[in-house]
Amino acid sequence: MTTTGSHTTDVLLNWPAAVPLENAHVFLEFVTIIGTVAAEIPVTTTVQLGPIIVPVEWNTDDFSPAFQPDEDYIVMAFWTDW
């Protein structure tokens, strides 16, 4: 069970190129068990060579439908240069 309020989730990225990926978009999506996207949290960052950690800050106040502490959520993380 997650408590209400502010949280940080660390996303591990592994960028193999020697040139940084500028303006990369990292997203966390929180999906209800019935498939409704309750929140999508974007972060724009520069991804350096090798494995790096990108912290994504999110708040349960941003969920719609409203965050339910006893509900199971699927959390998907993805990133893109587009």
PDB file of N, CA and C in Angstrom:
ATOM      1  N   MET A   1       0.845  -1.178   0.000  1.00  0.00           N
ATOM      2  CA  MET A   1       0.000   0.000   0.000  1.00  0.00           C
ATOM      3  C   MET A   1       0.888   1.239   0.000  1.00  0.00           C
ATOM      4  N   THR A   2       0.562   2.193  -0.833  1.00  0.00           N
ATOM      5  CA  THR A   2       1.293   3.448  -0.921  1.00  0.00           C
ATOM      6  C   THR A   2       0.520   4.520  -0.170  1.00  0.00           C
ATOM      7  N   THR A   3       1.251   5.351   0.542  1.00  0.00           N
ATOM      8  CA  THR A   3       0.608   6.445   1.252  1.00  0.00           C
ATOM      9  C   THR A   3       0.354   7.603   0.297  1.00  0.00           C
ATOM     10  N   THR A   4      -0.586   8.452   0.646  1.00  0.00           N
ATOM     11  CA  THR A   4      -0.886   9.620  -0.178  1.00  0.00           C
ATOM     12  C   THR A   4       0.229  10.648  -0.035  1.00  0.00           C
ATOM     13  N   GLY A   5       0.306  11.548  -1.014  1.00  0.00           N
ATOM     14  CA  GLY A   5       1.296  12.615  -0.962  1.00  0.00           C
ATOM     15  C   GLY A   5       2.385  12.461  -2.011  1.00  0.00           C
ATOM     16  N   SER A   6       3.543  13.056  -1.718  1.00  0.00           N
ATOM     17  CA  SER A   6       4.664  13.096  -2.657  1.00  0.00           C
ATOM     18  C   SER A   6       5.538  11.854  -2.546  1.00  0.00           C
ATOM     19  N   HIS A   7       6.036  11.410  -3.696  1.00  0.00           N
ATOM     20  CA  HIS A   7       6.903  10.241  -3.775  1.00  0.00           C
ATOM     21  C   HIS A   7       7.949  10.468  -4.857  1.00  0.00           C
ATOM     22  N   THR A   8       9.023   9.689  -4.818  1.00  0.00           N
ATOM     23  CA  THR A   8      10.026   9.673  -5.874  1.00  0.00           C
ATOM     24  C   THR A   8      10.279   8.226  -6.268  1.00  0.00           C
ATOM     25  N   THR A   9      10.258   7.972  -7.571  1.00  0.00           N
ATOM     26  CA  THR A   9      10.582   6.659  -8.105  1.00  0.00           C
ATOM     27  C   THR A   9      11.831   6.803  -8.960  1.00  0.00           C
ATOM     28  N   ASP A  10      12.841   5.992  -8.698  1.00  0.00           N
ATOM     29  CA  ASP A  10      14.073   6.022  -9.477  1.00  0.00           C
ATOM     30  C   ASP A  10      13.945   5.067 -10.660  1.00  0.00           C
ATOM     31  N   VAL A  11      14.205   5.585 -11.861  1.00  0.00           N
ATOM     32  CA  VAL A  11      14.163   4.788 -13.083  1.00  0.00           C
ATOM     33  C   VAL A  11      15.599   4.600 -13.563  1.00  0.00           C
ATOM     34  N   LEU A  12      15.987   3.358 -13.778  1.00  0.00           N
ATOM     35  CA  LEU A  12      17.325   3.029 -14.256  1.00  0.00           C
ATOM     36  C   LEU A  12      17.317   2.980 -15.774  1.00  0.00           C
ATOM     37  N   LEU A  13      18.166   3.808 -16.405  1.00  0.00           N
ATOM     38  CA  LEU A  13      18.298   3.827 -17.856  1.00  0.00           C
ATOM     39  C   LEU A  13      19.713   3.410 -18.224  1.00  0.00           C
ATOM     40  N   ASN A  14      19.861   2.701 -19.336  1.00  0.00           N
ATOM     41  CA  ASN A  14      21.178   2.307 -19.814  1.00  0.00           C
ATOM     42  C   ASN A  14      21.331   2.779 -21.252  1.00  0.00           C
ATOM     43  N   TRP A  15      22.020   3.881 -21.442  1.00  0.00           N
ATOM     44  CA  TRP A  15      22.225   4.475 -22.757  1.00  0.00           C
ATOM     45  C   TRP A  15      23.608   4.067 -23.256  1.00  0.00           C
ATOM     46  N   PRO A  16      23.696   3.284 -24.349  1.00  0.00           N
ATOM     47  CA  PRO A  16      24.977   2.722 -24.784  1.00  0.00           C
ATOM     48  C   PRO A  16      25.819   3.647 -25.659  1.00  0.00           C
ATOM     49  N   ALA A  17      25.259   4.737 -26.158  1.00  0.00           N
ATOM     50  CA  ALA A  17      25.995   5.591 -27.092  1.00  0.00           C
ATOM     51  C   ALA A  17      26.970   6.509 -26.354  1.00  0.00           C
ATOM     52  N   ALA A  18      28.043   6.864 -27.037  1.00  0.00           N
ATOM     53  CA  ALA A  18      29.043   7.751 -26.445  1.00  0.00           C
ATOM     54  C   ALA A  18      28.569   9.205 -26.393  1.00  0.00           C
ATOM     55  N   VAL A  19      27.545   9.522 -27.178  1.00  0.00           N
ATOM     56  CA  VAL A  19      26.998  10.876 -27.212  1.00  0.00           C
ATOM     57  C   VAL A  19      25.758  10.930 -26.330  1.00  0.00           C
ATOM     58  N   PRO A  20      25.641  11.936 -25.452  1.00  0.00           N
ATOM     59  CA  PRO A  20      24.452  12.027 -24.600  1.00  0.00           C
ATOM     60  C   PRO A  20      23.165  12.156 -25.430  1.00  0.00           C
ATOM     61  N   LEU A  21      22.084  11.638 -24.903  1.00  0.00           N
ATOM     62  CA  LEU A  21      20.762  11.780 -25.513  1.00  0.00           C
ATOM     63  C   LEU A  21      20.092  12.978 -24.848  1.00  0.00           C
ATOM     64  N   GLU A  22      20.088  14.096 -25.560  1.00  0.00           N
ATOM     65  CA  GLU A  22      19.544  15.331 -25.001  1.00  0.00           C
ATOM     66  C   GLU A  22      18.027  15.366 -25.154  1.00  0.00           C
ATOM     67  N   ASN A  23      17.386  15.978 -24.188  1.00  0.00           N
ATOM     68  CA  ASN A  23      15.928  16.128 -24.178  1.00  0.00           C
ATOM     69  C   ASN A  23      15.187  14.792 -24.268  1.00  0.00           C
ATOM     70  N   ALA A  24      15.715  13.796 -23.596  1.00  0.00           N
ATOM     71  CA  ALA A  24      15.017  12.510 -23.516  1.00  0.00           C
ATOM     72  C   ALA A  24      13.792  12.681 -22.625  1.00  0.00           C
ATOM     73  N   HIS A  25      12.734  11.955 -22.950  1.00  0.00           N
ATOM     74  CA  HIS A  25      11.497  12.030 -22.181  1.00  0.00           C
ATOM     75  C   HIS A  25      11.292  10.709 -21.447  1.00  0.00           C
ATOM     76  N   VAL A  26      11.240  10.788 -20.134  1.00  0.00           N
ATOM     77  CA  VAL A  26      10.995   9.630 -19.284  1.00  0.00           C
ATOM     78  C   VAL A  26       9.580   9.792 -18.728  1.00  0.00           C
ATOM     79  N   PHE A  27       8.793   8.731 -18.797  1.00  0.00           N
ATOM     80  CA  PHE A  27       7.411   8.776 -18.330  1.00  0.00           C
ATOM     81  C   PHE A  27       7.163   7.661 -17.328  1.00  0.00           C
ATOM     82  N   LEU A  28       6.392   7.962 -16.305  1.00  0.00           N
ATOM     83  CA  LEU A  28       5.786   6.944 -15.454  1.00  0.00           C
ATOM     84  C   LEU A  28       4.291   7.025 -15.695  1.00  0.00           C
ATOM     85  N   GLU A  29       3.681   5.879 -15.953  1.00  0.00           N
ATOM     86  CA  GLU A  29       2.222   5.820 -16.073  1.00  0.00           C
ATOM     87  C   GLU A  29       1.682   4.920 -14.983  1.00  0.00           C
ATOM     88  N   PHE A  30       0.681   5.400 -14.287  1.00  0.00           N
ATOM     89  CA  PHE A  30      -0.006   4.645 -13.243  1.00  0.00           C
ATOM     90  C   PHE A  30      -1.364   4.254 -13.799  1.00  0.00           C
ATOM     91  N   VAL A  31      -1.595   2.952 -13.925  1.00  0.00           N
ATOM     92  CA  VAL A  31      -2.794   2.428 -14.568  1.00  0.00           C
ATOM     93  C   VAL A  31      -3.582   1.614 -13.549  1.00  0.00           C
ATOM     94  N   THR A  32      -4.889   1.861 -13.495  1.00  0.00           N
ATOM     95  CA  THR A  32      -5.736   1.077 -12.589  1.00  0.00           C
ATOM     96  C   THR A  32      -5.838  -0.350 -13.102  1.00  0.00           C
ATOM     97  N   ILE A  33      -6.311  -1.227 -12.266  1.00  0.00           N
ATOM     98  CA  ILE A  33      -6.415  -2.641 -12.619  1.00  0.00           C
ATOM     99  C   ILE A  33      -7.384  -2.872 -13.787  1.00  0.00           C
ATOM    100  N   ILE A  34      -8.311  -1.927 -14.021  1.00  0.00           N
ATOM    101  CA  ILE A  34      -9.239  -2.070 -15.156  1.00  0.00           C
ATOM    102  C   ILE A  34      -8.725  -1.363 -16.409  1.00  0.00           C
ATOM    103  N   GLY A  35      -7.525  -0.784 -16.347  1.00  0.00           N
ATOM    104  CA  GLY A  35      -6.898  -0.207 -17.531  1.00  0.00           C
ATOM    105  C   GLY A  35      -6.999   1.286 -17.699  1.00  0.00           C
ATOM    106  N   THR A  36      -7.509   1.999 -16.717  1.00  0.00           N
ATOM    107  CA  THR A  36      -7.604   3.453 -16.788  1.00  0.00           C
ATOM    108  C   THR A  36      -6.275   4.081 -16.383  1.00  0.00           C
ATOM    109  N   VAL A  37      -5.744   4.981 -17.220  1.00  0.00           N
ATOM    110  CA  VAL A  37      -4.526   5.707 -16.850  1.00  0.00           C
ATOM    111  C   VAL A  37      -4.905   6.769 -15.826  1.00  0.00           C
ATOM    112  N   ALA A  38      -4.440   6.590 -14.600  1.00  0.00           N
ATOM    113  CA  ALA A  38      -4.775   7.519 -13.515  1.00  0.00           C
ATOM    114  C   ALA A  38      -3.804   8.691 -13.464  1.00  0.00           C
ATOM    115  N   ALA A  39      -2.560   8.476 -13.923  1.00  0.00           N
ATOM    116  CA  ALA A  39      -1.572   9.555 -13.927  1.00  0.00           C
ATOM    117  C   ALA A  39      -0.468   9.222 -14.911  1.00  0.00           C
ATOM    118  N   GLU A  40       0.009  10.256 -15.602  1.00  0.00           N
ATOM    119  CA  GLU A  40       1.194  10.128 -16.444  1.00  0.00           C
ATOM    120  C   GLU A  40       2.138  11.237 -16.030  1.00  0.00           C
ATOM    121  N   ILE A  41       3.311  10.852 -15.564  1.00  0.00           N
ATOM    122  CA  ILE A  41       4.276  11.808 -15.025  1.00  0.00           C
ATOM    123  C   ILE A  41       5.465  11.879 -15.975  1.00  0.00           C
ATOM    124  N   PRO A  42       5.668  13.022 -16.663  1.00  0.00           N
ATOM    125  CA  PRO A  42       6.792  13.154 -17.584  1.00  0.00           C
ATOM    126  C   PRO A  42       7.988  13.866 -16.939  1.00  0.00           C
ATOM    127  N   VAL A  43       9.176  13.484 -17.373  1.00  0.00           N
ATOM    128  CA  VAL A  43      10.414  14.161 -16.984  1.00  0.00           C
ATOM    129  C   VAL A  43      11.263  14.291 -18.240  1.00  0.00           C
ATOM    130  N   THR A  44      11.826  15.464 -18.487  1.00  0.00           N
ATOM    131  CA  THR A  44      12.745  15.653 -19.598  1.00  0.00           C
ATOM    132  C   THR A  44      14.145  15.798 -19.027  1.00  0.00           C
ATOM    133  N   THR A  45      15.101  15.048 -19.603  1.00  0.00           N
ATOM    134  CA  THR A  45      16.456  15.018 -19.056  1.00  0.00           C
ATOM    135  C   THR A  45      17.449  14.706 -20.163  1.00  0.00           C
ATOM    136  N   THR A  46      18.725  14.875 -19.872  1.00  0.00           N
ATOM    137  CA  THR A  46      19.795  14.435 -20.758  1.00  0.00           C
ATOM    138  C   THR A  46      20.331  13.130 -20.206  1.00  0.00           C
ATOM    139  N   VAL A  47      20.357  12.093 -21.056  1.00  0.00           N
ATOM    140  CA  VAL A  47      20.803  10.771 -20.632  1.00  0.00           C
ATOM    141  C   VAL A  47      22.253  10.593 -21.063  1.00  0.00           C
ATOM    142  N   GLN A  48      23.122  10.386 -20.090  1.00  0.00           N
ATOM    143  CA  GLN A  48      24.551  10.198 -20.349  1.00  0.00           C
ATOM    144  C   GLN A  48      24.856   8.732 -20.629  1.00  0.00           C
ATOM    145  N   LEU A  49      26.047   8.464 -21.122  1.00  0.00           N
ATOM    146  CA  LEU A  49      26.534   7.118 -21.381  1.00  0.00           C
ATOM    147  C   LEU A  49      26.457   6.255 -20.131  1.00  0.00           C
ATOM    148  N   GLY A  50      26.040   5.012 -20.345  1.00  0.00           N
ATOM    149  CA  GLY A  50      26.062   4.040 -19.248  1.00  0.00           C
ATOM    150  C   GLY A  50      24.785   4.024 -18.453  1.00  0.00           C
ATOM    151  N   PRO A  51      24.722   3.187 -17.469  1.00  0.00           N
ATOM    152  CA  PRO A  51      23.529   3.169 -16.630  1.00  0.00           C
ATOM    153  C   PRO A  51      23.468   4.426 -15.760  1.00  0.00           C
ATOM    154  N   ILE A  52      22.303   5.045 -15.741  1.00  0.00           N
ATOM    155  CA  ILE A  52      22.072   6.206 -14.874  1.00  0.00           C
ATOM    156  C   ILE A  52      20.714   6.050 -14.208  1.00  0.00           C
ATOM    157  N   ILE A  53      20.553   6.740 -13.111  1.00  0.00           N
ATOM    158  CA  ILE A  53      19.286   6.783 -12.383  1.00  0.00           C
ATOM    159  C   ILE A  53      18.622   8.128 -12.664  1.00  0.00           C
ATOM    160  N   VAL A  54      17.369   8.079 -13.077  1.00  0.00           N
ATOM    161  CA  VAL A  54      16.579   9.298 -13.273  1.00  0.00           C
ATOM    162  C   VAL A  54      15.473   9.298 -12.228  1.00  0.00           C
ATOM    163  N   PRO A  55      15.517  10.236 -11.272  1.00  0.00           N
ATOM    164  CA  PRO A  55      14.439  10.305 -10.283  1.00  0.00           C
ATOM    165  C   PRO A  55      13.195  10.956 -10.896  1.00  0.00           C
ATOM    166  N   VAL A  56      12.051  10.336 -10.672  1.00  0.00           N
ATOM    167  CA  VAL A  56      10.776  10.879 -11.151  1.00  0.00           C
ATOM    168  C   VAL A  56       9.919  11.161  -9.920  1.00  0.00           C
ATOM    169  N   GLU A  57       9.624  12.437  -9.714  1.00  0.00           N
ATOM    170  CA  GLU A  57       8.796  12.836  -8.577  1.00  0.00           C
ATOM    171  C   GLU A  57       7.337  12.837  -9.000  1.00  0.00           C
ATOM    172  N   TRP A  58       6.485  12.290  -8.131  1.00  0.00           N
ATOM    173  CA  TRP A  58       5.054  12.243  -8.416  1.00  0.00           C
ATOM    174  C   TRP A  58       4.271  12.409  -7.131  1.00  0.00           C
ATOM    175  N   ASN A  59       3.016  12.785  -7.302  1.00  0.00           N
ATOM    176  CA  ASN A  59       2.158  13.047  -6.150  1.00  0.00           C
ATOM    177  C   ASN A  59       0.798  12.404  -6.396  1.00  0.00           C
ATOM    178  N   THR A  60       0.270  11.760  -5.396  1.00  0.00           N
ATOM    179  CA  THR A  60      -1.040  11.109  -5.526  1.00  0.00           C
ATOM    180  C   THR A  60      -2.159  12.125  -5.770  1.00  0.00           C
ATOM    181  N   ASP A  61      -1.930  13.402  -5.452  1.00  0.00           N
ATOM    182  CA  ASP A  61      -2.936  14.437  -5.717  1.00  0.00           C
ATOM    183  C   ASP A  61      -3.180  14.636  -7.214  1.00  0.00           C
ATOM    184  N   ASP A  62      -2.225  14.173  -8.062  1.00  0.00           N
ATOM    185  CA  ASP A  62      -2.333  14.363  -9.506  1.00  0.00           C
ATOM    186  C   ASP A  62      -3.107  13.250 -10.203  1.00  0.00           C
ATOM    187  N   PHE A  63      -3.589  12.263  -9.464  1.00  0.00           N
ATOM    188  CA  PHE A  63      -4.294  11.124 -10.057  1.00  0.00           C
ATOM    189  C   PHE A  63      -5.739  11.493 -10.391  1.00  0.00           C
ATOM    190  N   SER A  64      -6.191  11.026 -11.563  1.00  0.00           N
ATOM    191  CA  SER A  64      -7.584  11.181 -11.950  1.00  0.00           C
ATOM    192  C   SER A  64      -7.966   9.958 -12.772  1.00  0.00           C
ATOM    193  N   PRO A  65      -8.786   9.075 -12.249  1.00  0.00           N
ATOM    194  CA  PRO A  65      -9.557   9.202 -11.020  1.00  0.00           C
ATOM    195  C   PRO A  65      -8.654   9.256  -9.786  1.00  0.00           C
ATOM    196  N   ALA A  66      -9.231   9.761  -8.707  1.00  0.00           N
ATOM    197  CA  ALA A  66      -8.476   9.997  -7.470  1.00  0.00           C
ATOM    198  C   ALA A  66      -7.748   8.744  -6.993  1.00  0.00           C
ATOM    199  N   PHE A  67      -6.580   8.952  -6.422  1.00  0.00           N
ATOM    200  CA  PHE A  67      -5.758   7.869  -5.875  1.00  0.00           C
ATOM    201  C   PHE A  67      -6.501   7.129  -4.767  1.00  0.00           C
ATOM    202  N   GLN A  68      -6.452   5.804  -4.831  1.00  0.00           N
ATOM    203  CA  GLN A  68      -7.059   4.947  -3.809  1.00  0.00           C
ATOM    204  C   GLN A  68      -5.938   4.125  -3.173  1.00  0.00           C
ATOM    205  N   PRO A  69      -5.591   4.360  -1.915  1.00  0.00           N
ATOM    206  CA  PRO A  69      -4.449   3.677  -1.298  1.00  0.00           C
ATOM    207  C   PRO A  69      -4.552   2.156  -1.288  1.00  0.00           C
ATOM    208  N   ASP A  70      -5.764   1.611  -1.290  1.00  0.00           N
ATOM    209  CA  ASP A  70      -5.928   0.157  -1.248  1.00  0.00           C
ATOM    210  C   ASP A  70      -6.044  -0.482  -2.632  1.00  0.00           C
ATOM    211  N   GLU A  71      -6.001   0.325  -3.701  1.00  0.00           N
ATOM    212  CA  GLU A  71      -6.126  -0.212  -5.056  1.00  0.00           C
ATOM    213  C   GLU A  71      -4.751  -0.630  -5.584  1.00  0.00           C
ATOM    214  N   ASP A  72      -4.732  -1.661  -6.410  1.00  0.00           N
ATOM    215  CA  ASP A  72      -3.504  -2.069  -7.086  1.00  0.00           C
ATOM    216  C   ASP A  72      -3.350  -1.250  -8.363  1.00  0.00           C
ATOM    217  N   TYR A  73      -2.154  -0.707  -8.592  1.00  0.00           N
ATOM    218  CA  TYR A  73      -1.857   0.043  -9.801  1.00  0.00           C
ATOM    219  C   TYR A  73      -0.742  -0.658 -10.559  1.00  0.00           C
ATOM    220  N   ILE A  74      -0.821  -0.623 -11.862  1.00  0.00           N
ATOM    221  CA  ILE A  74       0.276  -1.060 -12.714  1.00  0.00           C
ATOM    222  C   ILE A  74       1.090   0.188 -13.005  1.00  0.00           C
ATOM    223  N   VAL A  75       2.399   0.116 -12.798  1.00  0.00           N
ATOM    224  CA  VAL A  75       3.266   1.259 -13.066  1.00  0.00           C
ATOM    225  C   VAL A  75       4.152   0.897 -14.249  1.00  0.00           C
ATOM    226  N   MET A  76       4.045   1.696 -15.304  1.00  0.00           N
ATOM    227  CA  MET A  76       4.874   1.487 -16.492  1.00  0.00           C
ATOM    228  C   MET A  76       5.834   2.650 -16.623  1.00  0.00           C
ATOM    229  N   ALA A  77       7.094   2.338 -16.918  1.00  0.00           N
ATOM    230  CA  ALA A  77       8.097   3.370 -17.171  1.00  0.00           C
ATOM    231  C   ALA A  77       8.587   3.201 -18.596  1.00  0.00           C
ATOM    232  N   PHE A  78       8.678   4.306 -19.314  1.00  0.00           N
ATOM    233  CA  PHE A  78       9.246   4.241 -20.651  1.00  0.00           C
ATOM    234  C   PHE A  78       9.949   5.551 -20.953  1.00  0.00           C
ATOM    235  N   TRP A  79      10.838   5.517 -21.966  1.00  0.00           N
ATOM    236  CA  TRP A  79      11.547   6.735 -22.332  1.00  0.00           C
ATOM    237  C   TRP A  79      11.749   6.774 -23.843  1.00  0.00           C
ATOM    238  N   THR A  80      11.879   7.996 -24.349  1.00  0.00           N
ATOM    239  CA  THR A  80      11.974   8.200 -25.782  1.00  0.00           C
ATOM    240  C   THR A  80      12.760   9.478 -26.064  1.00  0.00           C
ATOM    241  N   ASP A  81      13.234   9.613 -27.272  1.00  0.00           N
ATOM    242  CA  ASP A  81      13.886  10.864 -27.674  1.00  0.00           C
ATOM    243  C   ASP A  81      12.956  11.708 -28.531  1.00  0.00           C
ATOM    244  N   TRP A  82      11.706  11.300 -28.638  1.00  0.00           N
ATOM    245  CA  TRP A  82      10.752  11.998 -29.491  1.00  0.00           C
ATOM    246  C   TRP A  82       9.823  12.856 -28.702  1.00  0.00           C
TER     247      TRP A  82
END
